[in-house]
Each structure stands twice: as structure tokens, then as C-alpha cells.
Amino acid sequence: MNLANKITIARILLIPIFILLFPIYPEWLIKENTIIHHIDLYGIYYAAAVFLLASVTDKLDGYIARKYNQITNLGKLLDPLADKLLISTALILMVSQQLIYTWVAFAIIAREIIITGIRIVAASQKIALQADRFGKIKMVFQVIAISAVLLNNLSFRYITEIRIDQVLMYAALILTIYSGYNYIKDNYRMLKLEF
């Protein structure tokens, strides 16, 4: 297994750590366990750091794969899967803590499932569909927005009273929906889909 794929697998393995650090523990456990109590107080910041680390590995594995000619079918499968798992996990956990609305998470996750379905259909027809420019921009906005929400607007609260984290989340939502629409528009003829 090459280095790029190892980095992608490391990104997937960071997801359970992200979950463990996210403060979602029941009150009785928080009172009984000092580690869980610490996670309840500060875990969101640790979780945000792990989320950012995992997100950075997305750029790193792609760079290494291209630079050192380490592009493999396994990497083509795992890289987008790792992205979707990371983003979806973060969104679901944020909904569980009422940091974002359920419909926002649903719309973003639904787009990811639809695009993944299109890629599966394309692969079955021996067609390789690449991520487009809007998909890459969308991912960057999702990472920034999720990080800002996880940090409870920390970076922006000293500048303005506006919830910039929520503004970023809605911008990510709009970009996510638009990039999904654009991806379908650009690729549906190639897939010979029958309606």
C-alpha cells in the first residue's frame, strides 16, 4: 500500500477519535468519570482539532498521489468515501447537539449520497466521473463552516455579533446544493439515464 492510501486510511481512522472527543456523553457518565467530564468541557475543541487534521490529510494524500504517481483504484474509492464519512459524521454530531438545523445536515448529506449514486452508476458503465471545481470549493467551505460551528464562532465573536459560523454553514449549504446541481447537469447525458 502506498503512502497516499495510508494517509487516506489514517483520515478514516481519525473519525472514531473525532466521535469519542465530541461531547455527547450522558450526564451520569460525566459526573462519574473525570476524563469524560474533561471531554464534556473541552472535547469540542479537541474534536475540532481532529476534524481539521483529518481535513488537511485530504489535500495531502491527493498531492502525494499526483506528485509521486501513486494514484490507485483503491485511492479513487477511499478518498471520496473518507471525505463523505468525515463530513457526514460531523454534521450528524452537530445536529445531535443542536449546533445546526437537521434540514441543513440532511440537505448536505443527501447531496453527497446522490452524487455517490451517480458515480456508482457511472462506474458500472465504465465511465470515470471526476470531481469538478465546484465540488472542491464546496468541500473547502464545508470544512471551514463545520470548524467554525464546532468552535462556537470563537474566531469571529470578538469582531462582530453576527454568527459568522452560521453564515458560513449556509454558504456551504448553498455551494453544496449548487455543486450537486452542476455535477448532475454536466454528467447526466454521459450516463444515459432513463427517466
C-alpha atoms as a PDB file:
ATOM      1  CA  MET A   1       0.000   0.000   0.000  1.00  0.00           C
ATOM      2  CA  ASN A   2       1.391   3.382  -0.984  1.00  0.00           C
ATOM      3  CA  LEU A   3       1.766   6.489   1.192  1.00  0.00           C
ATOM      4  CA  ALA A   4      -1.208   8.353  -0.293  1.00  0.00           C
ATOM      5  CA  ASN A   5      -3.564   5.466   0.525  1.00  0.00           C
ATOM      6  CA  LYS A   6      -2.118   5.157   4.030  1.00  0.00           C
ATOM      7  CA  ILE A   7      -2.891   8.832   4.627  1.00  0.00           C
ATOM      8  CA  THR A   8      -6.448   8.323   3.370  1.00  0.00           C
ATOM      9  CA  ILE A   9      -6.910   5.356   5.714  1.00  0.00           C
ATOM     10  CA  ALA A  10      -5.498   7.466   8.567  1.00  0.00           C
ATOM     11  CA  ARG A  11      -8.197  10.054   7.780  1.00  0.00           C
ATOM     12  CA  ILE A  12     -10.866   7.364   8.107  1.00  0.00           C
ATOM     13  CA  LEU A  13      -9.327   6.167  11.392  1.00  0.00           C
ATOM     14  CA  LEU A  14      -9.447   9.721  12.769  1.00  0.00           C
ATOM     15  CA  ILE A  15     -13.262   9.674  12.521  1.00  0.00           C
ATOM     16  CA  PRO A  16     -13.825   7.429  15.594  1.00  0.00           C
ATOM     17  CA  ILE A  17     -11.393   9.628  17.541  1.00  0.00           C
ATOM     18  CA  PHE A  18     -13.405  12.667  16.462  1.00  0.00           C
ATOM     19  CA  ILE A  19     -16.577  10.938  17.708  1.00  0.00           C
ATOM     20  CA  LEU A  20     -15.002   9.993  21.056  1.00  0.00           C
ATOM     21  CA  LEU A  21     -13.854  13.564  21.655  1.00  0.00           C
ATOM     22  CA  PHE A  22     -17.224  15.076  20.770  1.00  0.00           C
ATOM     23  CA  PRO A  23     -19.112  15.924  23.990  1.00  0.00           C
ATOM     24  CA  ILE A  24     -22.137  13.655  23.564  1.00  0.00           C
ATOM     25  CA  TYR A  25     -21.960  11.729  26.815  1.00  0.00           C
ATOM     26  CA  PRO A  26     -24.874  11.300  29.253  1.00  0.00           C
ATOM     27  CA  GLU A  27     -24.920  13.399  32.408  1.00  0.00           C
ATOM     28  CA  TRP A  28     -24.466  10.435  34.759  1.00  0.00           C
ATOM     29  CA  LEU A  29     -21.264   9.415  32.970  1.00  0.00           C
ATOM     30  CA  ILE A  30     -19.929  12.964  33.015  1.00  0.00           C
ATOM     31  CA  LYS A  31     -20.380  13.063  36.802  1.00  0.00           C
ATOM     32  CA  GLU A  32     -18.802   9.628  37.330  1.00  0.00           C
ATOM     33  CA  ASN A  33     -15.730   9.867  35.121  1.00  0.00           C
ATOM     34  CA  THR A  34     -13.140  12.668  35.229  1.00  0.00           C
ATOM     35  CA  ILE A  35     -11.949  12.004  31.678  1.00  0.00           C
ATOM     36  CA  ILE A  36     -15.499  12.203  30.330  1.00  0.00           C
ATOM     37  CA  HIS A  37     -16.052  15.326  32.448  1.00  0.00           C
ATOM     38  CA  HIS A  38     -12.954  16.873  30.832  1.00  0.00           C
ATOM     39  CA  ILE A  39     -14.221  15.880  27.380  1.00  0.00           C
ATOM     40  CA  ASP A  40     -17.589  17.425  28.211  1.00  0.00           C
ATOM     41  CA  LEU A  41     -15.845  20.721  28.988  1.00  0.00           C
ATOM     42  CA  TYR A  42     -13.137  20.807  26.312  1.00  0.00           C
ATOM     43  CA  GLY A  43     -13.810  17.936  23.935  1.00  0.00           C
ATOM     44  CA  ILE A  44     -15.402  20.112  21.285  1.00  0.00           C
ATOM     45  CA  TYR A  45     -12.062  21.907  20.853  1.00  0.00           C
ATOM     46  CA  TYR A  46     -10.165  18.619  20.650  1.00  0.00           C
ATOM     47  CA  ALA A  47     -12.769  17.319  18.211  1.00  0.00           C
ATOM     48  CA  ALA A  48     -12.380  20.454  16.078  1.00  0.00           C
ATOM     49  CA  ALA A  49      -8.598  19.940  16.018  1.00  0.00           C
ATOM     50  CA  VAL A  50      -9.001  16.302  14.944  1.00  0.00           C
ATOM     51  CA  PHE A  51     -11.548  17.350  12.309  1.00  0.00           C
ATOM     52  CA  LEU A  52      -9.134  19.955  10.917  1.00  0.00           C
ATOM     53  CA  LEU A  53      -6.253  17.468  10.948  1.00  0.00           C
ATOM     54  CA  ALA A  54      -8.361  14.916   9.095  1.00  0.00           C
ATOM     55  CA  SER A  55      -9.444  17.579   6.592  1.00  0.00           C
ATOM     56  CA  VAL A  56      -5.846  18.608   5.897  1.00  0.00           C
ATOM     57  CA  THR A  57      -4.952  14.994   5.105  1.00  0.00           C
ATOM     58  CA  ASP A  58      -7.454  15.196   2.230  1.00  0.00           C
ATOM     59  CA  LYS A  59      -5.248  17.711   0.437  1.00  0.00           C
ATOM     60  CA  LEU A  60      -2.065  15.917   1.466  1.00  0.00           C
ATOM     61  CA  ASP A  61      -2.995  12.470   0.131  1.00  0.00           C
ATOM     62  CA  GLY A  62      -4.145  13.950  -3.175  1.00  0.00           C
ATOM     63  CA  TYR A  63      -0.939  15.958  -3.532  1.00  0.00           C
ATOM     64  CA  ILE A  64       1.248  12.920  -2.784  1.00  0.00           C
ATOM     65  CA  ALA A  65      -0.745  10.675  -5.107  1.00  0.00           C
ATOM     66  CA  ARG A  66      -0.345  13.097  -8.013  1.00  0.00           C
ATOM     67  CA  LYS A  67       3.258  14.133  -7.347  1.00  0.00           C
ATOM     68  CA  TYR A  68       4.623  10.611  -6.862  1.00  0.00           C
ATOM     69  CA  ASN A  69       2.291   8.895  -9.336  1.00  0.00           C
ATOM     70  CA  GLN A  70       0.555   6.927  -6.572  1.00  0.00           C
ATOM     71  CA  ILE A  71      -2.976   7.180  -7.971  1.00  0.00           C
ATOM     72  CA  THR A  72      -4.693   3.815  -7.489  1.00  0.00           C
ATOM     73  CA  ASN A  73      -8.202   2.421  -7.802  1.00  0.00           C
ATOM     74  CA  LEU A  74      -8.205   1.929  -4.019  1.00  0.00           C
ATOM     75  CA  GLY A  75      -7.355   5.597  -3.553  1.00  0.00           C
ATOM     76  CA  LYS A  76     -10.072   6.639  -6.020  1.00  0.00           C
ATOM     77  CA  LEU A  77     -12.551   4.665  -3.914  1.00  0.00           C
ATOM     78  CA  LEU A  78     -11.335   5.560  -0.421  1.00  0.00           C
ATOM     79  CA  ASP A  79     -10.621   9.280  -0.830  1.00  0.00           C
ATOM     80  CA  PRO A  80     -14.175  10.460  -1.599  1.00  0.00           C
ATOM     81  CA  LEU A  81     -15.552   7.900   0.856  1.00  0.00           C
ATOM     82  CA  ALA A  82     -13.326   9.278   3.633  1.00  0.00           C
ATOM     83  CA  ASP A  83     -14.483  12.827   2.831  1.00  0.00           C
ATOM     84  CA  LYS A  84     -18.142  11.881   2.944  1.00  0.00           C
ATOM     85  CA  LEU A  85     -17.748   9.895   6.167  1.00  0.00           C
ATOM     86  CA  LEU A  86     -15.923  12.755   7.874  1.00  0.00           C
ATOM     87  CA  ILE A  87     -18.354  15.477   6.794  1.00  0.00           C
ATOM     88  CA  SER A  88     -21.464  13.370   7.457  1.00  0.00           C
ATOM     89  CA  THR A  89     -20.234  12.335  10.905  1.00  0.00           C
ATOM     90  CA  ALA A  90     -19.537  15.950  11.845  1.00  0.00           C
ATOM     91  CA  LEU A  91     -22.956  17.087  10.614  1.00  0.00           C
ATOM     92  CA  ILE A  92     -24.814  14.321  12.461  1.00  0.00           C
ATOM     93  CA  LEU A  93     -22.961  15.043  15.702  1.00  0.00           C
ATOM     94  CA  MET A  94     -23.615  18.771  15.354  1.00  0.00           C
ATOM     95  CA  VAL A  95     -27.335  18.092  14.864  1.00  0.00           C
ATOM     96  CA  SER A  96     -27.308  15.897  17.991  1.00  0.00           C
ATOM     97  CA  GLN A  97     -26.024  18.880  19.977  1.00  0.00           C
ATOM     98  CA  GLN A  98     -28.353  21.344  18.223  1.00  0.00           C
ATOM     99  CA  LEU A  99     -25.453  23.276  16.735  1.00  0.00           C
ATOM    100  CA  ILE A 100     -27.075  23.227  13.282  1.00  0.00           C
ATOM    101  CA  TYR A 101     -30.561  22.524  11.974  1.00  0.00           C
ATOM    102  CA  THR A 102     -31.422  18.983  10.945  1.00  0.00           C
ATOM    103  CA  TRP A 103     -32.569  20.087   7.487  1.00  0.00           C
ATOM    104  CA  VAL A 104     -29.146  21.651   6.787  1.00  0.00           C
ATOM    105  CA  ALA A 105     -27.361  18.387   7.593  1.00  0.00           C
ATOM    106  CA  PHE A 106     -29.974  16.414   5.644  1.00  0.00           C
ATOM    107  CA  ALA A 107     -29.565  18.547   2.515  1.00  0.00           C
ATOM    108  CA  ILE A 108     -25.772  18.280   2.573  1.00  0.00           C
ATOM    109  CA  ILE A 109     -25.742  14.520   3.263  1.00  0.00           C
ATOM    110  CA  ALA A 110     -28.478  13.908   0.651  1.00  0.00           C
ATOM    111  CA  ARG A 111     -26.385  15.686  -1.987  1.00  0.00           C
ATOM    112  CA  GLU A 112     -23.397  13.513  -1.113  1.00  0.00           C
ATOM    113  CA  ILE A 113     -25.479  10.322  -1.380  1.00  0.00           C
ATOM    114  CA  ILE A 114     -26.972  11.385  -4.728  1.00  0.00           C
ATOM    115  CA  ILE A 115     -23.565  12.229  -6.220  1.00  0.00           C
ATOM    116  CA  THR A 116     -22.112   8.973  -4.883  1.00  0.00           C
ATOM    117  CA  GLY A 117     -25.001   7.115  -6.522  1.00  0.00           C
ATOM    118  CA  ILE A 118     -24.283   8.825  -9.835  1.00  0.00           C
ATOM    119  CA  ARG A 119     -20.615   7.850  -9.557  1.00  0.00           C
ATOM    120  CA  ILE A 120     -21.591   4.232  -8.868  1.00  0.00           C
ATOM    121  CA  VAL A 121     -23.840   4.195 -11.940  1.00  0.00           C
ATOM    122  CA  ALA A 122     -21.028   5.759 -13.983  1.00  0.00           C
ATOM    123  CA  ALA A 123     -18.524   3.185 -12.733  1.00  0.00           C
ATOM    124  CA  SER A 124     -20.924   0.372 -13.694  1.00  0.00           C
ATOM    125  CA  GLN A 125     -20.933   1.840 -17.211  1.00  0.00           C
ATOM    126  CA  LYS A 126     -17.097   2.096 -17.177  1.00  0.00           C
ATOM    127  CA  ILE A 127     -17.276   5.889 -17.054  1.00  0.00           C
ATOM    128  CA  ALA A 128     -14.944   7.761 -14.698  1.00  0.00           C
ATOM    129  CA  LEU A 129     -16.504  10.976 -13.417  1.00  0.00           C
ATOM    130  CA  GLN A 130     -14.082  13.414 -11.846  1.00  0.00           C
ATOM    131  CA  ALA A 131     -14.881  15.925  -9.135  1.00  0.00           C
ATOM    132  CA  ASP A 132     -15.395  19.344 -10.632  1.00  0.00           C
ATOM    133  CA  ARG A 133     -14.150  22.714  -9.466  1.00  0.00           C
ATOM    134  CA  PHE A 134     -17.374  23.486  -7.566  1.00  0.00           C
ATOM    135  CA  GLY A 135     -17.152  20.185  -5.703  1.00  0.00           C
ATOM    136  CA  LYS A 136     -13.682  21.076  -4.487  1.00  0.00           C
ATOM    137  CA  ILE A 137     -14.741  24.586  -3.455  1.00  0.00           C
ATOM    138  CA  LYS A 138     -17.754  23.055  -1.705  1.00  0.00           C
ATOM    139  CA  MET A 139     -15.512  20.775   0.337  1.00  0.00           C
ATOM    140  CA  VAL A 140     -13.331  23.697   1.450  1.00  0.00           C
ATOM    141  CA  PHE A 141     -16.406  25.683   2.511  1.00  0.00           C
ATOM    142  CA  GLN A 142     -17.835  22.681   4.360  1.00  0.00           C
ATOM    143  CA  VAL A 143     -14.590  22.244   6.317  1.00  0.00           C
ATOM    144  CA  ILE A 144     -14.391  25.949   7.188  1.00  0.00           C
ATOM    145  CA  ALA A 145     -18.074  26.127   8.167  1.00  0.00           C
ATOM    146  CA  ILE A 146     -18.013  22.957  10.263  1.00  0.00           C
ATOM    147  CA  SER A 147     -14.829  24.091  12.012  1.00  0.00           C
ATOM    148  CA  ALA A 148     -16.357  27.497  12.783  1.00  0.00           C
ATOM    149  CA  VAL A 149     -19.521  25.891  14.179  1.00  0.00           C
ATOM    150  CA  LEU A 150     -17.518  23.406  16.256  1.00  0.00           C
ATOM    151  CA  LEU A 151     -15.531  26.284  17.720  1.00  0.00           C
ATOM    152  CA  ASN A 152     -18.786  28.106  18.518  1.00  0.00           C
ATOM    153  CA  ASN A 153     -17.927  31.165  16.428  1.00  0.00           C
ATOM    154  CA  LEU A 154     -14.785  31.592  18.565  1.00  0.00           C
ATOM    155  CA  SER A 155     -12.688  33.252  15.867  1.00  0.00           C
ATOM    156  CA  PHE A 156     -15.375  35.761  14.958  1.00  0.00           C
ATOM    157  CA  ARG A 157     -17.123  36.671  18.213  1.00  0.00           C
ATOM    158  CA  TYR A 158     -14.503  39.318  19.012  1.00  0.00           C
ATOM    159  CA  ILE A 159     -15.044  41.034  15.679  1.00  0.00           C
ATOM    160  CA  THR A 160     -18.830  41.018  15.302  1.00  0.00           C
ATOM    161  CA  GLU A 161     -22.012  39.857  16.988  1.00  0.00           C
ATOM    162  CA  ILE A 162     -23.134  38.231  13.748  1.00  0.00           C
ATOM    163  CA  ARG A 163     -22.937  34.434  13.905  1.00  0.00           C
ATOM    164  CA  ILE A 164     -20.361  34.121  11.121  1.00  0.00           C
ATOM    165  CA  ASP A 165     -20.187  30.352  11.756  1.00  0.00           C
ATOM    166  CA  GLN A 166     -23.860  30.043  10.790  1.00  0.00           C
ATOM    167  CA  VAL A 167     -23.399  32.339   7.781  1.00  0.00           C
ATOM    168  CA  LEU A 168     -20.534  30.091   6.645  1.00  0.00           C
ATOM    169  CA  MET A 169     -22.691  26.991   7.173  1.00  0.00           C
ATOM    170  CA  TYR A 170     -25.446  28.425   4.962  1.00  0.00           C
ATOM    171  CA  ALA A 171     -22.865  29.419   2.346  1.00  0.00           C
ATOM    172  CA  ALA A 172     -21.550  25.839   2.440  1.00  0.00           C
ATOM    173  CA  LEU A 173     -25.119  24.561   2.080  1.00  0.00           C
ATOM    174  CA  ILE A 174     -25.771  26.763  -0.974  1.00  0.00           C
ATOM    175  CA  LEU A 175     -22.460  25.738  -2.558  1.00  0.00           C
ATOM    176  CA  THR A 176     -23.209  22.080  -1.794  1.00  0.00           C
ATOM    177  CA  ILE A 177     -26.601  22.230  -3.493  1.00  0.00           C
ATOM    178  CA  TYR A 178     -25.250  24.222  -6.437  1.00  0.00           C
ATOM    179  CA  SER A 179     -22.260  21.912  -6.945  1.00  0.00           C
ATOM    180  CA  GLY A 180     -24.595  18.912  -6.878  1.00  0.00           C
ATOM    181  CA  TYR A 181     -26.866  20.516  -9.465  1.00  0.00           C
ATOM    182  CA  ASN A 182     -23.866  21.447 -11.617  1.00  0.00           C
ATOM    183  CA  TYR A 183     -22.397  17.934 -11.363  1.00  0.00           C
ATOM    184  CA  ILE A 184     -25.674  16.335 -12.426  1.00  0.00           C
ATOM    185  CA  LYS A 185     -26.153  18.866 -15.251  1.00  0.00           C
ATOM    186  CA  ASP A 186     -22.638  18.261 -16.582  1.00  0.00           C
ATOM    187  CA  ASN A 187     -22.738  14.465 -16.375  1.00  0.00           C
ATOM    188  CA  TYR A 188     -26.278  13.148 -16.853  1.00  0.00           C
ATOM    189  CA  ARG A 189     -26.047  12.851 -20.662  1.00  0.00           C
ATOM    190  CA  MET A 190     -22.882  10.773 -20.341  1.00  0.00           C
ATOM    191  CA  LEU A 191     -24.662   8.272 -18.097  1.00  0.00           C
ATOM    192  CA  LYS A 192     -27.518   7.545 -20.481  1.00  0.00           C
ATOM    193  CA  LEU A 193     -30.024   7.671 -17.637  1.00  0.00           C
ATOM    194  CA  GLU A 194     -33.596   6.821 -18.497  1.00  0.00           C
ATOM    195  CA  PHE A 195     -36.406   8.709 -16.782  1.00  0.00           C
END
